[in-house]
Amino acid sequence: GALIMTHSDDNGLVLPPALAPIQVVIIPIYKSEEQLN
């Protein structure tokens, strides 16, 4: 609760990297399977 109220903003949760379950997310932008590959 302290973590939420200390850092988060109007867009949602903000986590310090030291306690983030996922520190980096990589999202591919593609239109075809070939591009994804």
PDB file of all heavy atoms in Angstrom:
ATOM      1  N   GLY A   1       0.826  -1.209   0.000  1.00  0.00           N
ATOM      2  CA  GLY A   1       0.000   0.000   0.000  1.00  0.00           C
ATOM      3  C   GLY A   1       0.856   1.252   0.000  1.00  0.00           C
ATOM      4  O   GLY A   1       0.564   2.220  -0.708  1.00  0.00           O
ATOM      5  N   ALA A   2       1.941   1.223   0.783  1.00  0.00           N
ATOM      6  CA  ALA A   2       2.854   2.371   0.815  1.00  0.00           C
ATOM      7  C   ALA A   2       3.492   2.588  -0.548  1.00  0.00           C
ATOM      8  O   ALA A   2       3.633   3.733  -1.006  1.00  0.00           O
ATOM      9  CB  ALA A   2       3.938   2.132   1.873  1.00  0.00           C
ATOM     10  N   LEU A   3       3.870   1.507  -1.195  1.00  0.00           N
ATOM     11  CA  LEU A   3       4.497   1.586  -2.516  1.00  0.00           C
ATOM     12  C   LEU A   3       3.557   2.241  -3.526  1.00  0.00           C
ATOM     13  O   LEU A   3       3.959   3.119  -4.291  1.00  0.00           O
ATOM     14  CB  LEU A   3       4.851   0.169  -2.974  1.00  0.00           C
ATOM     15  CG  LEU A   3       5.894  -0.001  -4.067  1.00  0.00           C
ATOM     16  CD1 LEU A   3       7.267   0.427  -3.575  1.00  0.00           C
ATOM     17  CD2 LEU A   3       5.941  -1.457  -4.519  1.00  0.00           C
ATOM     18  N   ILE A   4       2.296   1.826  -3.491  1.00  0.00           N
ATOM     19  CA  ILE A   4       1.291   2.379  -4.405  1.00  0.00           C
ATOM     20  C   ILE A   4       1.127   3.878  -4.170  1.00  0.00           C
ATOM     21  O   ILE A   4       1.188   4.682  -5.103  1.00  0.00           O
ATOM     22  CB  ILE A   4      -0.063   1.675  -4.206  1.00  0.00           C
ATOM     23  CG1 ILE A   4       0.026   0.194  -4.592  1.00  0.00           C
ATOM     24  CG2 ILE A   4      -1.168   2.359  -5.028  1.00  0.00           C
ATOM     25  CD1 ILE A   4      -1.129  -0.646  -4.068  1.00  0.00           C
ATOM     26  N   MET A   5       0.924   4.262  -2.908  1.00  0.00           N
ATOM     27  CA  MET A   5       0.603   5.658  -2.608  1.00  0.00           C
ATOM     28  C   MET A   5       1.809   6.583  -2.705  1.00  0.00           C
ATOM     29  O   MET A   5       1.648   7.787  -2.843  1.00  0.00           O
ATOM     30  CB  MET A   5      -0.037   5.758  -1.224  1.00  0.00           C
ATOM     31  CG  MET A   5      -1.420   5.123  -1.163  1.00  0.00           C
ATOM     32  SD  MET A   5      -2.349   5.635   0.292  1.00  0.00           S
ATOM     33  CE  MET A   5      -1.382   4.896   1.586  1.00  0.00           C
ATOM     34  N   THR A   6       3.003   6.023  -2.654  1.00  0.00           N
ATOM     35  CA  THR A   6       4.206   6.847  -2.753  1.00  0.00           C
ATOM     36  C   THR A   6       4.512   7.235  -4.194  1.00  0.00           C
ATOM     37  O   THR A   6       4.867   8.381  -4.474  1.00  0.00           O
ATOM     38  CB  THR A   6       5.412   6.096  -2.154  1.00  0.00           C
ATOM     39  OG1 THR A   6       5.175   5.839  -0.772  1.00  0.00           O
ATOM     40  CG2 THR A   6       6.694   6.899  -2.301  1.00  0.00           C
ATOM     41  N   HIS A   7       4.370   6.293  -5.126  1.00  0.00           N
ATOM     42  CA  HIS A   7       4.886   6.507  -6.480  1.00  0.00           C
ATOM     43  C   HIS A   7       3.837   6.594  -7.592  1.00  0.00           C
ATOM     44  O   HIS A   7       4.108   7.190  -8.632  1.00  0.00           O
ATOM     45  CB  HIS A   7       5.847   5.380  -6.848  1.00  0.00           C
ATOM     46  CG  HIS A   7       7.034   5.260  -5.957  1.00  0.00           C
ATOM     47  ND1 HIS A   7       7.931   6.289  -5.781  1.00  0.00           N
ATOM     48  CD2 HIS A   7       7.479   4.236  -5.180  1.00  0.00           C
ATOM     49  CE1 HIS A   7       8.883   5.898  -4.940  1.00  0.00           C
ATOM     50  NE2 HIS A   7       8.632   4.665  -4.563  1.00  0.00           N
ATOM     51  N   SER A   8       2.684   5.990  -7.410  1.00  0.00           N
ATOM     52  CA  SER A   8       1.767   5.822  -8.537  1.00  0.00           C
ATOM     53  C   SER A   8       1.135   7.138  -8.969  1.00  0.00           C
ATOM     54  O   SER A   8       1.121   8.122  -8.225  1.00  0.00           O
ATOM     55  CB  SER A   8       0.701   4.788  -8.183  1.00  0.00           C
ATOM     56  OG  SER A   8       1.317   3.542  -7.885  1.00  0.00           O
ATOM     57  N   ASP A   9       0.607   7.146 -10.196  1.00  0.00           N
ATOM     58  CA  ASP A   9       0.041   8.373 -10.757  1.00  0.00           C
ATOM     59  C   ASP A   9      -1.340   8.107 -11.338  1.00  0.00           C
ATOM     60  O   ASP A   9      -1.901   7.014 -11.163  1.00  0.00           O
ATOM     61  CB  ASP A   9       0.985   8.990 -11.792  1.00  0.00           C
ATOM     62  CG  ASP A   9       1.266   8.055 -12.969  1.00  0.00           C
ATOM     63  OD1 ASP A   9       0.456   7.136 -13.246  1.00  0.00           O
ATOM     64  OD2 ASP A   9       2.308   8.240 -13.639  1.00  0.00           O
ATOM     65  N   ASP A  10      -1.876   9.083 -12.032  1.00  0.00           N
ATOM     66  CA  ASP A  10      -3.244   8.952 -12.558  1.00  0.00           C
ATOM     67  C   ASP A  10      -3.351   7.976 -13.722  1.00  0.00           C
ATOM     68  O   ASP A  10      -4.450   7.690 -14.195  1.00  0.00           O
ATOM     69  CB  ASP A  10      -3.769  10.320 -12.976  1.00  0.00           C
ATOM     70  CG  ASP A  10      -3.965  11.244 -11.783  1.00  0.00           C
ATOM     71  OD1 ASP A  10      -3.994  10.735 -10.641  1.00  0.00           O
ATOM     72  OD2 ASP A  10      -4.069  12.470 -11.983  1.00  0.00           O
ATOM     73  N   ASN A  11      -2.203   7.458 -14.193  1.00  0.00           N
ATOM     74  CA  ASN A  11      -2.218   6.435 -15.237  1.00  0.00           C
ATOM     75  C   ASN A  11      -2.129   5.029 -14.664  1.00  0.00           C
ATOM     76  O   ASN A  11      -2.181   4.064 -15.418  1.00  0.00           O
ATOM     77  CB  ASN A  11      -1.055   6.665 -16.211  1.00  0.00           C
ATOM     78  CG  ASN A  11      -1.204   7.956 -16.980  1.00  0.00           C
ATOM     79  OD1 ASN A  11      -2.177   8.151 -17.693  1.00  0.00           O
ATOM     80  ND2 ASN A  11      -0.257   8.866 -16.816  1.00  0.00           N
ATOM     81  N   GLY A  12      -1.961   4.928 -13.341  1.00  0.00           N
ATOM     82  CA  GLY A  12      -1.898   3.608 -12.723  1.00  0.00           C
ATOM     83  C   GLY A  12      -0.703   3.443 -11.817  1.00  0.00           C
ATOM     84  O   GLY A  12      -0.153   4.410 -11.279  1.00  0.00           O
ATOM     85  N   LEU A  13      -0.289   2.215 -11.668  1.00  0.00           N
ATOM     86  CA  LEU A  13       0.798   1.851 -10.771  1.00  0.00           C
ATOM     87  C   LEU A  13       2.139   2.328 -11.333  1.00  0.00           C
ATOM     88  O   LEU A  13       2.365   2.302 -12.538  1.00  0.00           O
ATOM     89  CB  LEU A  13       0.810   0.320 -10.629  1.00  0.00           C
ATOM     90  CG  LEU A  13       1.675  -0.326  -9.552  1.00  0.00           C
ATOM     91  CD1 LEU A  13       1.226   0.107  -8.161  1.00  0.00           C
ATOM     92  CD2 LEU A  13       1.592  -1.853  -9.674  1.00  0.00           C
ATOM     93  N   VAL A  14       3.011   2.765 -10.434  1.00  0.00           N
ATOM     94  CA  VAL A  14       4.405   3.049 -10.785  1.00  0.00           C
ATOM     95  C   VAL A  14       5.266   2.265  -9.805  1.00  0.00           C
ATOM     96  O   VAL A  14       5.135   2.430  -8.592  1.00  0.00           O
ATOM     97  CB  VAL A  14       4.735   4.557 -10.688  1.00  0.00           C
ATOM     98  CG1 VAL A  14       6.234   4.788 -10.915  1.00  0.00           C
ATOM     99  CG2 VAL A  14       3.920   5.357 -11.690  1.00  0.00           C
ATOM    100  N   LEU A  15       6.117   1.398 -10.321  1.00  0.00           N
ATOM    101  CA  LEU A  15       6.942   0.550  -9.468  1.00  0.00           C
ATOM    102  C   LEU A  15       8.416   0.909  -9.603  1.00  0.00           C
ATOM    103  O   LEU A  15       8.913   1.096 -10.710  1.00  0.00           O
ATOM    104  CB  LEU A  15       6.764  -0.926  -9.832  1.00  0.00           C
ATOM    105  CG  LEU A  15       5.406  -1.562  -9.542  1.00  0.00           C
ATOM    106  CD1 LEU A  15       5.357  -2.985 -10.086  1.00  0.00           C
ATOM    107  CD2 LEU A  15       5.115  -1.558  -8.041  1.00  0.00           C
ATOM    108  N   PRO A  16       9.144   0.976  -8.478  1.00  0.00           N
ATOM    109  CA  PRO A  16      10.599   1.104  -8.572  1.00  0.00           C
ATOM    110  C   PRO A  16      11.166  -0.191  -9.152  1.00  0.00           C
ATOM    111  O   PRO A  16      10.694  -1.286  -8.809  1.00  0.00           O
ATOM    112  CB  PRO A  16      11.034   1.307  -7.117  1.00  0.00           C
ATOM    113  CG  PRO A  16       9.926   0.754  -6.296  1.00  0.00           C
ATOM    114  CD  PRO A  16       8.671   0.928  -7.086  1.00  0.00           C
ATOM    115  N   PRO A  17      12.149  -0.118 -10.024  1.00  0.00           N
ATOM    116  CA  PRO A  17      12.691  -1.330 -10.664  1.00  0.00           C
ATOM    117  C   PRO A  17      13.103  -2.420  -9.688  1.00  0.00           C
ATOM    118  O   PRO A  17      12.948  -3.618  -9.985  1.00  0.00           O
ATOM    119  CB  PRO A  17      13.895  -0.786 -11.441  1.00  0.00           C
ATOM    120  CG  PRO A  17      13.506   0.608 -11.788  1.00  0.00           C
ATOM    121  CD  PRO A  17      12.738   1.112 -10.599  1.00  0.00           C
ATOM    122  N   ALA A  18      13.599  -2.043  -8.498  1.00  0.00           N
ATOM    123  CA  ALA A  18      14.077  -3.043  -7.537  1.00  0.00           C
ATOM    124  C   ALA A  18      12.975  -3.995  -7.078  1.00  0.00           C
ATOM    125  O   ALA A  18      13.254  -5.119  -6.663  1.00  0.00           O
ATOM    126  CB  ALA A  18      14.706  -2.352  -6.334  1.00  0.00           C
ATOM    127  N   LEU A  19      11.716  -3.556  -7.152  1.00  0.00           N
ATOM    128  CA  LEU A  19      10.609  -4.397  -6.671  1.00  0.00           C
ATOM    129  C   LEU A  19       9.617  -4.760  -7.771  1.00  0.00           C
ATOM    130  O   LEU A  19       8.580  -5.359  -7.494  1.00  0.00           O
ATOM    131  CB  LEU A  19       9.876  -3.694  -5.527  1.00  0.00           C
ATOM    132  CG  LEU A  19      10.690  -3.482  -4.247  1.00  0.00           C
ATOM    133  CD1 LEU A  19       9.868  -2.730  -3.212  1.00  0.00           C
ATOM    134  CD2 LEU A  19      11.190  -4.804  -3.676  1.00  0.00           C
ATOM    135  N   ALA A  20       9.924  -4.429  -9.016  1.00  0.00           N
ATOM    136  CA  ALA A  20       9.007  -4.722 -10.118  1.00  0.00           C
ATOM    137  C   ALA A  20       9.133  -6.184 -10.540  1.00  0.00           C
ATOM    138  O   ALA A  20      10.240  -6.640 -10.857  1.00  0.00           O
ATOM    139  CB  ALA A  20       9.303  -3.821 -11.302  1.00  0.00           C
ATOM    140  N   PRO A  21       8.035  -6.948 -10.538  1.00  0.00           N
ATOM    141  CA  PRO A  21       8.096  -8.344 -11.000  1.00  0.00           C
ATOM    142  C   PRO A  21       8.600  -8.444 -12.442  1.00  0.00           C
ATOM    143  O   PRO A  21       9.343  -9.354 -12.781  1.00  0.00           O
ATOM    144  CB  PRO A  21       6.649  -8.817 -10.886  1.00  0.00           C
ATOM    145  CG  PRO A  21       6.040  -7.938  -9.847  1.00  0.00           C
ATOM    146  CD  PRO A  21       6.694  -6.607 -10.034  1.00  0.00           C
ATOM    147  N   ILE A  22       8.163  -7.493 -13.284  1.00  0.00           N
ATOM    148  CA  ILE A  22       8.661  -7.383 -14.656  1.00  0.00           C
ATOM    149  C   ILE A  22       9.344  -6.022 -14.752  1.00  0.00           C
ATOM    150  O   ILE A  22       8.690  -4.991 -14.610  1.00  0.00           O
ATOM    151  CB  ILE A  22       7.519  -7.468 -15.689  1.00  0.00           C
ATOM    152  CG1 ILE A  22       6.718  -8.747 -15.520  1.00  0.00           C
ATOM    153  CG2 ILE A  22       8.060  -7.355 -17.109  1.00  0.00           C
ATOM    154  CD1 ILE A  22       5.388  -8.743 -16.273  1.00  0.00           C
ATOM    155  N   GLN A  23      10.643  -6.004 -14.990  1.00  0.00           N
ATOM    156  CA  GLN A  23      11.352  -4.730 -15.071  1.00  0.00           C
ATOM    157  C   GLN A  23      11.319  -4.143 -16.484  1.00  0.00           C
ATOM    158  O   GLN A  23      11.298  -2.931 -16.655  1.00  0.00           O
ATOM    159  CB  GLN A  23      12.798  -4.914 -14.609  1.00  0.00           C
ATOM    160  CG  GLN A  23      12.905  -5.249 -13.118  1.00  0.00           C
ATOM    161  CD  GLN A  23      14.307  -5.654 -12.728  1.00  0.00           C
ATOM    162  OE1 GLN A  23      14.932  -6.496 -13.366  1.00  0.00           O
ATOM    163  NE2 GLN A  23      14.827  -5.049 -11.667  1.00  0.00           N
ATOM    164  N   VAL A  24      11.320  -5.021 -17.468  1.00  0.00           N
ATOM    165  CA  VAL A  24      11.315  -4.592 -18.865  1.00  0.00           C
ATOM    166  C   VAL A  24      10.316  -5.437 -19.641  1.00  0.00           C
ATOM    167  O   VAL A  24      10.334  -6.673 -19.533  1.00  0.00           O
ATOM    168  CB  VAL A  24      12.708  -4.745 -19.508  1.00  0.00           C
ATOM    169  CG1 VAL A  24      12.667  -4.363 -20.990  1.00  0.00           C
ATOM    170  CG2 VAL A  24      13.749  -3.921 -18.766  1.00  0.00           C
ATOM    171  N   VAL A  25       9.447  -4.796 -20.400  1.00  0.00           N
ATOM    172  CA  VAL A  25       8.562  -5.528 -21.304  1.00  0.00           C
ATOM    173  C   VAL A  25       8.896  -5.106 -22.733  1.00  0.00           C
ATOM    174  O   VAL A  25       9.108  -3.920 -23.019  1.00  0.00           O
ATOM    175  CB  VAL A  25       7.069  -5.283 -20.991  1.00  0.00           C
ATOM    176  CG1 VAL A  25       6.679  -3.819 -21.147  1.00  0.00           C
ATOM    177  CG2 VAL A  25       6.187  -6.181 -21.850  1.00  0.00           C
ATOM    178  N   ILE A  26       8.999  -6.081 -23.615  1.00  0.00           N
ATOM    179  CA  ILE A  26       9.288  -5.825 -25.026  1.00  0.00           C
ATOM    180  C   ILE A  26       8.058  -6.201 -25.845  1.00  0.00           C
ATOM    181  O   ILE A  26       7.560  -7.330 -25.749  1.00  0.00           O
ATOM    182  CB  ILE A  26      10.512  -6.629 -25.508  1.00  0.00           C
ATOM    183  CG1 ILE A  26      11.735  -6.288 -24.647  1.00  0.00           C
ATOM    184  CG2 ILE A  26      10.803  -6.343 -26.981  1.00  0.00           C
ATOM    185  CD1 ILE A  26      12.954  -7.143 -24.953  1.00  0.00           C
ATOM    186  N   ILE A  27       7.569  -5.249 -26.619  1.00  0.00           N
ATOM    187  CA  ILE A  27       6.345  -5.461 -27.397  1.00  0.00           C
ATOM    188  C   ILE A  27       6.666  -5.334 -28.893  1.00  0.00           C
ATOM    189  O   ILE A  27       7.073  -4.260 -29.353  1.00  0.00           O
ATOM    190  CB  ILE A  27       5.259  -4.452 -26.999  1.00  0.00           C
ATOM    191  CG1 ILE A  27       4.924  -4.601 -25.505  1.00  0.00           C
ATOM    192  CG2 ILE A  27       3.997  -4.640 -27.849  1.00  0.00           C
ATOM    193  CD1 ILE A  27       3.999  -3.534 -24.965  1.00  0.00           C
ATOM    194  N   PRO A  28       6.521  -6.414 -29.627  1.00  0.00           N
ATOM    195  CA  PRO A  28       6.752  -6.335 -31.081  1.00  0.00           C
ATOM    196  C   PRO A  28       5.556  -5.694 -31.782  1.00  0.00           C
ATOM    197  O   PRO A  28       4.401  -5.948 -31.436  1.00  0.00           O
ATOM    198  CB  PRO A  28       6.905  -7.804 -31.481  1.00  0.00           C
ATOM    199  CG  PRO A  28       6.090  -8.557 -30.479  1.00  0.00           C
ATOM    200  CD  PRO A  28       6.168  -7.777 -29.193  1.00  0.00           C
ATOM    201  N   ILE A  29       5.846  -4.839 -32.767  1.00  0.00           N
ATOM    202  CA  ILE A  29       4.794  -4.194 -33.571  1.00  0.00           C
ATOM    203  C   ILE A  29       4.891  -4.791 -34.973  1.00  0.00           C
ATOM    204  O   ILE A  29       5.900  -4.615 -35.659  1.00  0.00           O
ATOM    205  CB  ILE A  29       4.992  -2.668 -33.648  1.00  0.00           C
ATOM    206  CG1 ILE A  29       5.256  -2.077 -32.249  1.00  0.00           C
ATOM    207  CG2 ILE A  29       3.791  -2.005 -34.301  1.00  0.00           C
ATOM    208  CD1 ILE A  29       4.144  -2.222 -31.265  1.00  0.00           C
ATOM    209  N   TYR A  30       3.876  -5.492 -35.401  1.00  0.00           N
ATOM    210  CA  TYR A  30       3.967  -6.207 -36.678  1.00  0.00           C
ATOM    211  C   TYR A  30       2.592  -6.349 -37.315  1.00  0.00           C
ATOM    212  O   TYR A  30       1.556  -6.239 -36.660  1.00  0.00           O
ATOM    213  CB  TYR A  30       4.584  -7.586 -36.459  1.00  0.00           C
ATOM    214  CG  TYR A  30       3.775  -8.474 -35.520  1.00  0.00           C
ATOM    215  CD1 TYR A  30       2.810  -9.349 -36.012  1.00  0.00           C
ATOM    216  CD2 TYR A  30       3.950  -8.392 -34.142  1.00  0.00           C
ATOM    217  CE1 TYR A  30       2.054 -10.135 -35.158  1.00  0.00           C
ATOM    218  CE2 TYR A  30       3.200  -9.170 -33.285  1.00  0.00           C
ATOM    219  CZ  TYR A  30       2.252 -10.044 -33.793  1.00  0.00           C
ATOM    220  OH  TYR A  30       1.499 -10.819 -32.941  1.00  0.00           O
ATOM    221  N   LYS A  31       2.619  -6.620 -38.626  1.00  0.00           N
ATOM    222  CA  LYS A  31       1.379  -6.863 -39.367  1.00  0.00           C
ATOM    223  C   LYS A  31       1.328  -8.261 -39.959  1.00  0.00           C
ATOM    224  O   LYS A  31       0.260  -8.723 -40.361  1.00  0.00           O
ATOM    225  CB  LYS A  31       1.225  -5.827 -40.483  1.00  0.00           C
ATOM    226  CG  LYS A  31       0.980  -4.407 -39.964  1.00  0.00           C
ATOM    227  CD  LYS A  31       0.787  -3.424 -41.106  1.00  0.00           C
ATOM    228  CE  LYS A  31       0.503  -2.022 -40.590  1.00  0.00           C
ATOM    229  NZ  LYS A  31       0.362  -1.037 -41.698  1.00  0.00           N
ATOM    230  N   SER A  32       2.474  -8.909 -40.033  1.00  0.00           N
ATOM    231  CA  SER A  32       2.506 -10.250 -40.617  1.00  0.00           C
ATOM    232  C   SER A  32       3.375 -11.163 -39.756  1.00  0.00           C
ATOM    233  O   SER A  32       4.199 -10.696 -38.959  1.00  0.00           O
ATOM    234  CB  SER A  32       3.079 -10.204 -42.034  1.00  0.00           C
ATOM    235  OG  SER A  32       4.456  -9.843 -41.987  1.00  0.00           O
ATOM    236  N   GLU A  33       3.194 -12.448 -39.957  1.00  0.00           N
ATOM    237  CA  GLU A  33       3.985 -13.422 -39.209  1.00  0.00           C
ATOM    238  C   GLU A  33       5.462 -13.293 -39.563  1.00  0.00           C
ATOM    239  O   GLU A  33       6.334 -13.488 -38.718  1.00  0.00           O
ATOM    240  CB  GLU A  33       3.486 -14.840 -39.519  1.00  0.00           C
ATOM    241  CG  GLU A  33       4.113 -15.891 -38.609  1.00  0.00           C
ATOM    242  CD  GLU A  33       3.461 -17.259 -38.775  1.00  0.00           C
ATOM    243  OE1 GLU A  33       2.329 -17.330 -39.272  1.00  0.00           O
ATOM    244  OE2 GLU A  33       4.115 -18.244 -38.392  1.00  0.00           O
ATOM    245  N   GLU A  34       5.733 -12.936 -40.818  1.00  0.00           N
ATOM    246  CA  GLU A  34       7.128 -12.767 -41.245  1.00  0.00           C
ATOM    247  C   GLU A  34       7.792 -11.626 -40.470  1.00  0.00           C
ATOM    248  O   GLU A  34       8.939 -11.755 -40.024  1.00  0.00           O
ATOM    249  CB  GLU A  34       7.180 -12.478 -42.751  1.00  0.00           C
ATOM    250  CG  GLU A  34       8.600 -12.325 -43.276  1.00  0.00           C
ATOM    251  CD  GLU A  34       8.634 -11.945 -44.744  1.00  0.00           C
ATOM    252  OE1 GLU A  34       7.553 -11.846 -45.372  1.00  0.00           O
ATOM    253  OE2 GLU A  34       9.751 -11.741 -45.259  1.00  0.00           O
ATOM    254  N   GLN A  35       7.058 -10.519 -40.304  1.00  0.00           N
ATOM    255  CA  GLN A  35       7.603  -9.397 -39.546  1.00  0.00           C
ATOM    256  C   GLN A  35       7.849  -9.793 -38.090  1.00  0.00           C
ATOM    257  O   GLN A  35       8.875  -9.431 -37.501  1.00  0.00           O
ATOM    258  CB  GLN A  35       6.650  -8.201 -39.613  1.00  0.00           C
ATOM    259  CG  GLN A  35       6.598  -7.520 -40.965  1.00  0.00           C
ATOM    260  CD  GLN A  35       5.617  -6.355 -40.996  1.00  0.00           C
ATOM    261  OE1 GLN A  35       4.703  -6.273 -40.155  1.00  0.00           O
ATOM    262  NE2 GLN A  35       5.790  -5.453 -41.959  1.00  0.00           N
ATOM    263  N   LEU A  36       6.898 -10.533 -37.511  1.00  0.00           N
ATOM    264  CA  LEU A  36       7.059 -10.985 -36.134  1.00  0.00           C
ATOM    265  C   LEU A  36       8.308 -11.854 -35.996  1.00  0.00           C
ATOM    266  O   LEU A  36       9.085 -11.693 -35.050  1.00  0.00           O
ATOM    267  CB  LEU A  36       5.815 -11.760 -35.673  1.00  0.00           C
ATOM    268  CG  LEU A  36       5.917 -12.408 -34.274  1.00  0.00           C
ATOM    269  CD1 LEU A  36       6.166 -11.349 -33.194  1.00  0.00           C
ATOM    270  CD2 LEU A  36       4.657 -13.210 -33.958  1.00  0.00           C
ATOM    271  N   ASN A  37       8.516 -12.752 -36.941  1.00  0.00           N
ATOM    272  CA  ASN A  37       9.678 -13.640 -36.883  1.00  0.00           C
ATOM    273  C   ASN A  37      10.983 -12.849 -36.965  1.00  0.00           C
ATOM    274  O   ASN A  37      11.952 -13.164 -36.261  1.00  0.00           O
ATOM    275  CB  ASN A  37       9.618 -14.669 -38.012  1.00  0.00           C
ATOM    276  CG  ASN A  37       8.495 -15.683 -37.806  1.00  0.00           C
ATOM    277  OD1 ASN A  37       8.041 -15.894 -36.677  1.00  0.00           O
ATOM    278  ND2 ASN A  37       8.027 -16.292 -38.881  1.00  0.00           N
TER     279      ASN A  37
END
